[in-house]
Amino acid sequence: MPKKRILIVEDDVDILRLLTLELQDAGYEVLPYESGMRGLSAIREAEPDLVVLDLGLPDLSGQEIARRIRRTGDTPIVILTAADELGTKVEMLNAGVDDYLAKPFHVEELVARINVQLRKRSLGATRKVGDMTIDPVRRQVFWGEDEVRLSPREYDLLAYLASQPGRVYSRKEIESNVWGENLPPSSNVVDVHIANIRGKLRDAGGYGVIRTVRGIGYALKS
């Protein structure tokens, strides 16, 4: 499974370098651009999975880039900018951007917001991983021709792991994106749900589908 491709348009070289390194560490392929014009051309050619876009670009405004993207496609757009005025935020959201984060920002929050947008997008289409098929419309999972009956939370957890097969997700990431909160350190709720999913997949003929990375978290085998 190829890595998700994130294209960044940001004229602050230090921020651009930081975001590139952090997103690469998070498992993404990153295409960084300082120029609005070059970034727009690359968006058309590279067909990224998501665009991180600064508004205050010197050659072509981020607002105009976002509008041009929306004229031809639905690529998720996350705005990253020092312009935190309510009017600008409302204007951009009405123009079709998917999220808006003001500077200064925490890189961890940006990565989390990117993960959420890509997860929303991936949940909109049937996904096949090996012999397993995930149908997001009916919220059903099949191993071959047999349905694997999961609880709502088990389905959400498996679908989250399937959003990037092969990538290792930490317990904290799973808690934040599946439960919507960080659970107490002593909680074993993630491990219990993983065990339940493994058992149900195994009963359907799926062995070793979820991999445990000791001390880190879990990954769906690609």
C-alpha atoms as a PDB file:
ATOM      1  CA  MET A   1       0.000   0.000   0.000  1.00  0.00           C
ATOM      2  CA  PRO A   2       1.590   3.309  -1.079  1.00  0.00           C
ATOM      3  CA  LYS A   3       1.984   6.082   1.469  1.00  0.00           C
ATOM      4  CA  LYS A   4      -0.560   8.868   1.555  1.00  0.00           C
ATOM      5  CA  ARG A   5       0.809  11.956  -0.202  1.00  0.00           C
ATOM      6  CA  ILE A   6       0.676  15.328   1.559  1.00  0.00           C
ATOM      7  CA  LEU A   7       1.486  18.482  -0.402  1.00  0.00           C
ATOM      8  CA  ILE A   8       2.497  21.549   1.621  1.00  0.00           C
ATOM      9  CA  VAL A   9       2.530  25.130   0.337  1.00  0.00           C
ATOM     10  CA  GLU A  10       4.280  27.320   2.928  1.00  0.00           C
ATOM     11  CA  ASP A  11       6.679  30.206   2.288  1.00  0.00           C
ATOM     12  CA  ASP A  12       8.297  30.109   5.754  1.00  0.00           C
ATOM     13  CA  VAL A  13      11.282  27.846   5.133  1.00  0.00           C
ATOM     14  CA  ASP A  14      11.680  26.848   8.780  1.00  0.00           C
ATOM     15  CA  ILE A  15       8.035  25.863   9.139  1.00  0.00           C
ATOM     16  CA  LEU A  16       8.145  24.038   5.808  1.00  0.00           C
ATOM     17  CA  ARG A  17      11.188  22.037   6.889  1.00  0.00           C
ATOM     18  CA  LEU A  18       9.621  21.204  10.262  1.00  0.00           C
ATOM     19  CA  LEU A  19       6.341  20.053   8.737  1.00  0.00           C
ATOM     20  CA  THR A  20       8.137  17.969   6.132  1.00  0.00           C
ATOM     21  CA  LEU A  21      10.152  16.101   8.752  1.00  0.00           C
ATOM     22  CA  GLU A  22       7.217  15.611  11.131  1.00  0.00           C
ATOM     23  CA  LEU A  23       4.862  14.330   8.455  1.00  0.00           C
ATOM     24  CA  GLN A  24       7.516  12.007   7.064  1.00  0.00           C
ATOM     25  CA  ASP A  25       7.987  10.643  10.583  1.00  0.00           C
ATOM     26  CA  ALA A  26       4.208  10.138  10.743  1.00  0.00           C
ATOM     27  CA  GLY A  27       4.420   7.877   7.694  1.00  0.00           C
ATOM     28  CA  TYR A  28       3.434  10.231   4.891  1.00  0.00           C
ATOM     29  CA  GLU A  29       5.068  11.078   1.580  1.00  0.00           C
ATOM     30  CA  VAL A  30       5.583  14.848   1.609  1.00  0.00           C
ATOM     31  CA  LEU A  31       5.834  17.288  -1.292  1.00  0.00           C
ATOM     32  CA  PRO A  32       6.984  20.696   0.071  1.00  0.00           C
ATOM     33  CA  TYR A  33       6.697  23.975  -1.873  1.00  0.00           C
ATOM     34  CA  GLU A  34       7.524  27.579  -0.926  1.00  0.00           C
ATOM     35  CA  SER A  35       5.803  29.108  -3.959  1.00  0.00           C
ATOM     36  CA  GLY A  36       2.075  29.301  -4.486  1.00  0.00           C
ATOM     37  CA  MET A  37       2.363  28.988  -8.274  1.00  0.00           C
ATOM     38  CA  ARG A  38       4.694  25.997  -8.075  1.00  0.00           C
ATOM     39  CA  GLY A  39       2.540  24.409  -5.439  1.00  0.00           C
ATOM     40  CA  LEU A  40      -0.613  24.820  -7.538  1.00  0.00           C
ATOM     41  CA  SER A  41       1.091  23.252 -10.555  1.00  0.00           C
ATOM     42  CA  ALA A  42       2.270  20.355  -8.401  1.00  0.00           C
ATOM     43  CA  ILE A  43      -1.239  19.811  -7.018  1.00  0.00           C
ATOM     44  CA  ARG A  44      -2.511  19.306 -10.558  1.00  0.00           C
ATOM     45  CA  GLU A  45       0.308  16.939 -11.514  1.00  0.00           C
ATOM     46  CA  ALA A  46       0.931  14.969  -8.296  1.00  0.00           C
ATOM     47  CA  GLU A  47      -2.728  14.494  -7.238  1.00  0.00           C
ATOM     48  CA  PRO A  48      -1.960  14.557  -3.490  1.00  0.00           C
ATOM     49  CA  ASP A  49      -4.253  12.975  -0.914  1.00  0.00           C
ATOM     50  CA  LEU A  50      -4.326  16.214   1.105  1.00  0.00           C
ATOM     51  CA  VAL A  51      -3.022  19.785   0.849  1.00  0.00           C
ATOM     52  CA  VAL A  52      -1.681  21.870   3.747  1.00  0.00           C
ATOM     53  CA  LEU A  53      -1.952  25.469   2.599  1.00  0.00           C
ATOM     54  CA  ASP A  54      -0.674  28.762   3.986  1.00  0.00           C
ATOM     55  CA  LEU A  55      -2.810  31.785   3.123  1.00  0.00           C
ATOM     56  CA  GLY A  56      -0.096  34.478   3.211  1.00  0.00           C
ATOM     57  CA  LEU A  57       1.927  33.500   0.147  1.00  0.00           C
ATOM     58  CA  PRO A  58       3.862  36.178  -1.772  1.00  0.00           C
ATOM     59  CA  ASP A  59       3.023  35.188  -5.356  1.00  0.00           C
ATOM     60  CA  LEU A  60      -0.443  33.615  -5.298  1.00  0.00           C
ATOM     61  CA  SER A  61      -2.726  33.765  -2.295  1.00  0.00           C
ATOM     62  CA  GLY A  62      -3.750  30.640  -0.480  1.00  0.00           C
ATOM     63  CA  GLN A  63      -7.371  31.723  -0.879  1.00  0.00           C
ATOM     64  CA  GLU A  64      -7.016  31.659  -4.666  1.00  0.00           C
ATOM     65  CA  ILE A  65      -5.229  28.291  -4.595  1.00  0.00           C
ATOM     66  CA  ALA A  66      -8.015  26.815  -2.473  1.00  0.00           C
ATOM     67  CA  ARG A  67     -10.668  28.142  -4.851  1.00  0.00           C
ATOM     68  CA  ARG A  68      -8.878  26.664  -7.871  1.00  0.00           C
ATOM     69  CA  ILE A  69      -8.538  23.288  -6.156  1.00  0.00           C
ATOM     70  CA  ARG A  70     -12.262  23.271  -5.384  1.00  0.00           C
ATOM     71  CA  ARG A  71     -13.213  24.112  -8.968  1.00  0.00           C
ATOM     72  CA  THR A  72     -11.790  20.824 -10.197  1.00  0.00           C
ATOM     73  CA  GLY A  73     -11.755  18.410  -7.261  1.00  0.00           C
ATOM     74  CA  ASP A  74     -12.445  17.528  -3.641  1.00  0.00           C
ATOM     75  CA  THR A  75      -8.887  17.062  -2.337  1.00  0.00           C
ATOM     76  CA  PRO A  76      -8.948  17.761   1.435  1.00  0.00           C
ATOM     77  CA  ILE A  77      -7.461  21.172   2.298  1.00  0.00           C
ATOM     78  CA  VAL A  78      -6.104  22.131   5.715  1.00  0.00           C
ATOM     79  CA  ILE A  79      -5.377  25.858   6.037  1.00  0.00           C
ATOM     80  CA  LEU A  80      -2.368  26.840   8.141  1.00  0.00           C
ATOM     81  CA  THR A  81      -2.042  30.596   8.605  1.00  0.00           C
ATOM     82  CA  ALA A  82      -1.327  33.542  10.871  1.00  0.00           C
ATOM     83  CA  ALA A  83      -4.615  35.132   9.770  1.00  0.00           C
ATOM     84  CA  ASP A  84      -6.897  34.131  12.638  1.00  0.00           C
ATOM     85  CA  GLU A  85      -9.699  36.599  12.003  1.00  0.00           C
ATOM     86  CA  LEU A  86     -13.178  35.097  12.202  1.00  0.00           C
ATOM     87  CA  GLY A  87     -14.172  36.586   8.857  1.00  0.00           C
ATOM     88  CA  THR A  88     -11.245  34.939   7.062  1.00  0.00           C
ATOM     89  CA  LYS A  89     -11.952  31.609   8.723  1.00  0.00           C
ATOM     90  CA  VAL A  90     -15.634  31.709   7.775  1.00  0.00           C
ATOM     91  CA  GLU A  91     -14.778  32.753   4.223  1.00  0.00           C
ATOM     92  CA  MET A  92     -12.394  29.838   3.753  1.00  0.00           C
ATOM     93  CA  LEU A  93     -14.707  27.260   5.302  1.00  0.00           C
ATOM     94  CA  ASN A  94     -17.533  28.491   3.073  1.00  0.00           C
ATOM     95  CA  ALA A  95     -15.152  28.221   0.111  1.00  0.00           C
ATOM     96  CA  GLY A  96     -14.803  24.511   0.802  1.00  0.00           C
ATOM     97  CA  VAL A  97     -11.637  24.051   2.871  1.00  0.00           C
ATOM     98  CA  ASP A  98     -11.863  21.167   5.326  1.00  0.00           C
ATOM     99  CA  ASP A  99     -10.011  22.541   8.355  1.00  0.00           C
ATOM    100  CA  TYR A 100      -8.298  25.710   9.551  1.00  0.00           C
ATOM    101  CA  LEU A 101      -5.421  25.982  12.022  1.00  0.00           C
ATOM    102  CA  ALA A 102      -3.948  29.314  13.156  1.00  0.00           C
ATOM    103  CA  LYS A 103      -0.279  30.015  13.813  1.00  0.00           C
ATOM    104  CA  PRO A 104       1.418  29.542  16.189  1.00  0.00           C
ATOM    105  CA  PHE A 105       0.400  25.898  16.320  1.00  0.00           C
ATOM    106  CA  HIS A 106       1.445  22.547  17.741  1.00  0.00           C
ATOM    107  CA  VAL A 107       2.683  20.145  15.091  1.00  0.00           C
ATOM    108  CA  GLU A 108       1.000  17.254  16.918  1.00  0.00           C
ATOM    109  CA  GLU A 109      -2.378  18.957  16.500  1.00  0.00           C
ATOM    110  CA  LEU A 110      -1.807  19.518  12.792  1.00  0.00           C
ATOM    111  CA  VAL A 111      -0.847  15.865  12.284  1.00  0.00           C
ATOM    112  CA  ALA A 112      -3.965  14.795  14.199  1.00  0.00           C
ATOM    113  CA  ARG A 113      -6.175  17.034  12.041  1.00  0.00           C
ATOM    114  CA  ILE A 114      -4.585  15.627   8.877  1.00  0.00           C
ATOM    115  CA  ASN A 115      -5.195  12.100  10.136  1.00  0.00           C
ATOM    116  CA  VAL A 116      -8.851  12.922  10.783  1.00  0.00           C
ATOM    117  CA  GLN A 117      -9.391  14.345   7.290  1.00  0.00           C
ATOM    118  CA  LEU A 118      -7.722  11.377   5.579  1.00  0.00           C
ATOM    119  CA  ARG A 119      -9.679   8.971   7.747  1.00  0.00           C
ATOM    120  CA  LYS A 120     -12.959  10.662   6.796  1.00  0.00           C
ATOM    121  CA  ARG A 121     -12.008  10.383   3.141  1.00  0.00           C
ATOM    122  CA  SER A 122     -10.952   6.744   3.377  1.00  0.00           C
ATOM    123  CA  LEU A 123     -14.171   5.802   5.171  1.00  0.00           C
ATOM    124  CA  GLY A 124     -16.170   7.018   2.203  1.00  0.00           C
ATOM    125  CA  ALA A 125     -15.136   4.159  -0.099  1.00  0.00           C
ATOM    126  CA  THR A 126     -15.097   0.382   0.213  1.00  0.00           C
ATOM    127  CA  ARG A 127     -11.623  -0.724   1.222  1.00  0.00           C
ATOM    128  CA  LYS A 128     -10.073  -4.107   0.495  1.00  0.00           C
ATOM    129  CA  VAL A 129      -7.032  -5.298   2.450  1.00  0.00           C
ATOM    130  CA  GLY A 130      -5.974  -8.781   1.429  1.00  0.00           C
ATOM    131  CA  ASP A 131      -9.020 -11.041   1.832  1.00  0.00           C
ATOM    132  CA  MET A 132     -10.788  -8.500   4.038  1.00  0.00           C
ATOM    133  CA  THR A 133     -13.338  -6.006   2.705  1.00  0.00           C
ATOM    134  CA  ILE A 134     -14.587  -3.026   4.719  1.00  0.00           C
ATOM    135  CA  ASP A 135     -17.861  -1.443   3.601  1.00  0.00           C
ATOM    136  CA  PRO A 136     -18.150   2.003   5.267  1.00  0.00           C
ATOM    137  CA  VAL A 137     -21.678   2.671   4.023  1.00  0.00           C
ATOM    138  CA  ARG A 138     -23.128  -0.425   5.703  1.00  0.00           C
ATOM    139  CA  ARG A 139     -20.387  -0.509   8.359  1.00  0.00           C
ATOM    140  CA  GLN A 140     -19.772  -4.159   7.581  1.00  0.00           C
ATOM    141  CA  VAL A 141     -16.593  -6.226   7.409  1.00  0.00           C
ATOM    142  CA  PHE A 142     -16.169  -9.370   5.320  1.00  0.00           C
ATOM    143  CA  TRP A 143     -13.438 -11.991   5.242  1.00  0.00           C
ATOM    144  CA  GLY A 144     -13.809 -13.481   1.802  1.00  0.00           C
ATOM    145  CA  GLU A 145     -17.555 -14.005   1.458  1.00  0.00           C
ATOM    146  CA  ASP A 146     -18.234 -14.294   5.183  1.00  0.00           C
ATOM    147  CA  GLU A 147     -19.351 -11.328   7.268  1.00  0.00           C
ATOM    148  CA  VAL A 148     -17.346 -10.604  10.422  1.00  0.00           C
ATOM    149  CA  ARG A 149     -19.849  -9.225  12.918  1.00  0.00           C
ATOM    150  CA  LEU A 150     -18.241  -6.440  14.944  1.00  0.00           C
ATOM    151  CA  SER A 151     -19.546  -4.054  17.568  1.00  0.00           C
ATOM    152  CA  PRO A 152     -19.677  -0.375  16.516  1.00  0.00           C
ATOM    153  CA  ARG A 153     -16.470   0.390  18.428  1.00  0.00           C
ATOM    154  CA  GLU A 154     -14.702  -2.680  17.043  1.00  0.00           C
ATOM    155  CA  TYR A 155     -15.672  -1.597  13.536  1.00  0.00           C
ATOM    156  CA  ASP A 156     -14.353   1.940  14.122  1.00  0.00           C
ATOM    157  CA  LEU A 157     -11.060   0.565  15.440  1.00  0.00           C
ATOM    158  CA  LEU A 158     -10.541  -1.853  12.555  1.00  0.00           C
ATOM    159  CA  ALA A 159     -11.485   0.805   9.986  1.00  0.00           C
ATOM    160  CA  TYR A 160      -9.001   3.192  11.588  1.00  0.00           C
ATOM    161  CA  LEU A 161      -6.164   0.665  11.340  1.00  0.00           C
ATOM    162  CA  ALA A 162      -7.215  -0.057   7.741  1.00  0.00           C
ATOM    163  CA  SER A 163      -6.939   3.624   6.779  1.00  0.00           C
ATOM    164  CA  GLN A 164      -3.170   3.024   6.388  1.00  0.00           C
ATOM    165  CA  PRO A 165      -2.382  -0.702   6.346  1.00  0.00           C
ATOM    166  CA  GLY A 166       1.133  -1.441   7.562  1.00  0.00           C
ATOM    167  CA  ARG A 167       1.431   1.740   9.593  1.00  0.00           C
ATOM    168  CA  VAL A 168       1.893   1.262  13.340  1.00  0.00           C
ATOM    169  CA  TYR A 169      -0.653   3.237  15.372  1.00  0.00           C
ATOM    170  CA  SER A 170       0.165   4.024  18.986  1.00  0.00           C
ATOM    171  CA  ARG A 171      -2.410   3.419  21.706  1.00  0.00           C
ATOM    172  CA  LYS A 172      -2.656   7.186  22.198  1.00  0.00           C
ATOM    173  CA  GLU A 173      -3.475   7.711  18.511  1.00  0.00           C
ATOM    174  CA  ILE A 174      -6.088   4.965  18.648  1.00  0.00           C
ATOM    175  CA  GLU A 175      -7.664   6.380  21.790  1.00  0.00           C
ATOM    176  CA  SER A 176      -7.762   9.898  20.347  1.00  0.00           C
ATOM    177  CA  ASN A 177      -9.151   8.940  16.941  1.00  0.00           C
ATOM    178  CA  VAL A 178     -11.462   6.051  17.863  1.00  0.00           C
ATOM    179  CA  TRP A 179     -12.574   6.937  21.399  1.00  0.00           C
ATOM    180  CA  GLY A 180     -12.142  10.700  20.945  1.00  0.00           C
ATOM    181  CA  GLU A 181     -10.169  11.041  24.166  1.00  0.00           C
ATOM    182  CA  ASN A 182      -7.080   9.798  25.971  1.00  0.00           C
ATOM    183  CA  LEU A 183      -8.070   7.007  28.321  1.00  0.00           C
ATOM    184  CA  PRO A 184      -6.490   6.504  31.772  1.00  0.00           C
ATOM    185  CA  PRO A 185      -2.967   4.993  31.591  1.00  0.00           C
ATOM    186  CA  SER A 186      -4.188   1.894  33.404  1.00  0.00           C
ATOM    187  CA  SER A 187      -6.974   1.241  30.879  1.00  0.00           C
ATOM    188  CA  ASN A 188      -6.690  -1.871  28.732  1.00  0.00           C
ATOM    189  CA  VAL A 189      -9.787  -1.119  26.670  1.00  0.00           C
ATOM    190  CA  VAL A 190      -7.801  -0.843  23.407  1.00  0.00           C
ATOM    191  CA  ASP A 191      -6.119  -4.212  24.005  1.00  0.00           C
ATOM    192  CA  VAL A 192      -9.461  -5.848  24.831  1.00  0.00           C
ATOM    193  CA  HIS A 193     -11.051  -4.555  21.632  1.00  0.00           C
ATOM    194  CA  ILE A 194      -8.032  -5.675  19.578  1.00  0.00           C
ATOM    195  CA  ALA A 195      -8.291  -9.152  21.105  1.00  0.00           C
ATOM    196  CA  ASN A 196     -12.010  -9.306  20.294  1.00  0.00           C
ATOM    197  CA  ILE A 197     -11.428  -8.255  16.683  1.00  0.00           C
ATOM    198  CA  ARG A 198      -8.622 -10.797  16.298  1.00  0.00           C
ATOM    199  CA  GLY A 199     -10.850 -13.565  17.623  1.00  0.00           C
ATOM    200  CA  LYS A 200     -13.698 -12.726  15.251  1.00  0.00           C
ATOM    201  CA  LEU A 201     -11.356 -12.472  12.247  1.00  0.00           C
ATOM    202  CA  ARG A 202      -9.718 -15.759  13.232  1.00  0.00           C
ATOM    203  CA  ASP A 203     -13.128 -17.466  13.401  1.00  0.00           C
ATOM    204  CA  ALA A 204     -13.723 -16.308   9.828  1.00  0.00           C
ATOM    205  CA  GLY A 205     -10.341 -17.625   8.661  1.00  0.00           C
ATOM    206  CA  GLY A 206      -8.236 -14.501   9.066  1.00  0.00           C
ATOM    207  CA  TYR A 207      -5.083 -15.269  11.030  1.00  0.00           C
ATOM    208  CA  GLY A 208      -2.412 -12.762  12.050  1.00  0.00           C
ATOM    209  CA  VAL A 209      -4.273  -9.823  10.483  1.00  0.00           C
ATOM    210  CA  ILE A 210      -3.407  -7.359  13.257  1.00  0.00           C
ATOM    211  CA  ARG A 211       0.222  -7.071  14.272  1.00  0.00           C
ATOM    212  CA  THR A 212       1.353  -6.009  17.755  1.00  0.00           C
ATOM    213  CA  VAL A 213       4.460  -3.845  17.982  1.00  0.00           C
ATOM    214  CA  ARG A 214       5.560  -4.199  21.569  1.00  0.00           C
ATOM    215  CA  GLY A 215       5.745  -0.919  23.446  1.00  0.00           C
ATOM    216  CA  ILE A 216       4.285   1.063  20.545  1.00  0.00           C
ATOM    217  CA  GLY A 217       0.893  -0.126  19.328  1.00  0.00           C
ATOM    218  CA  TYR A 218      -0.827  -2.011  16.531  1.00  0.00           C
ATOM    219  CA  ALA A 219      -0.794  -2.267  12.749  1.00  0.00           C
ATOM    220  CA  LEU A 220      -2.988  -3.949  10.173  1.00  0.00           C
ATOM    221  CA  LYS A 221      -0.887  -6.174   7.954  1.00  0.00           C
ATOM    222  CA  SER A 222      -0.827  -4.821   4.403  1.00  0.00           C
END
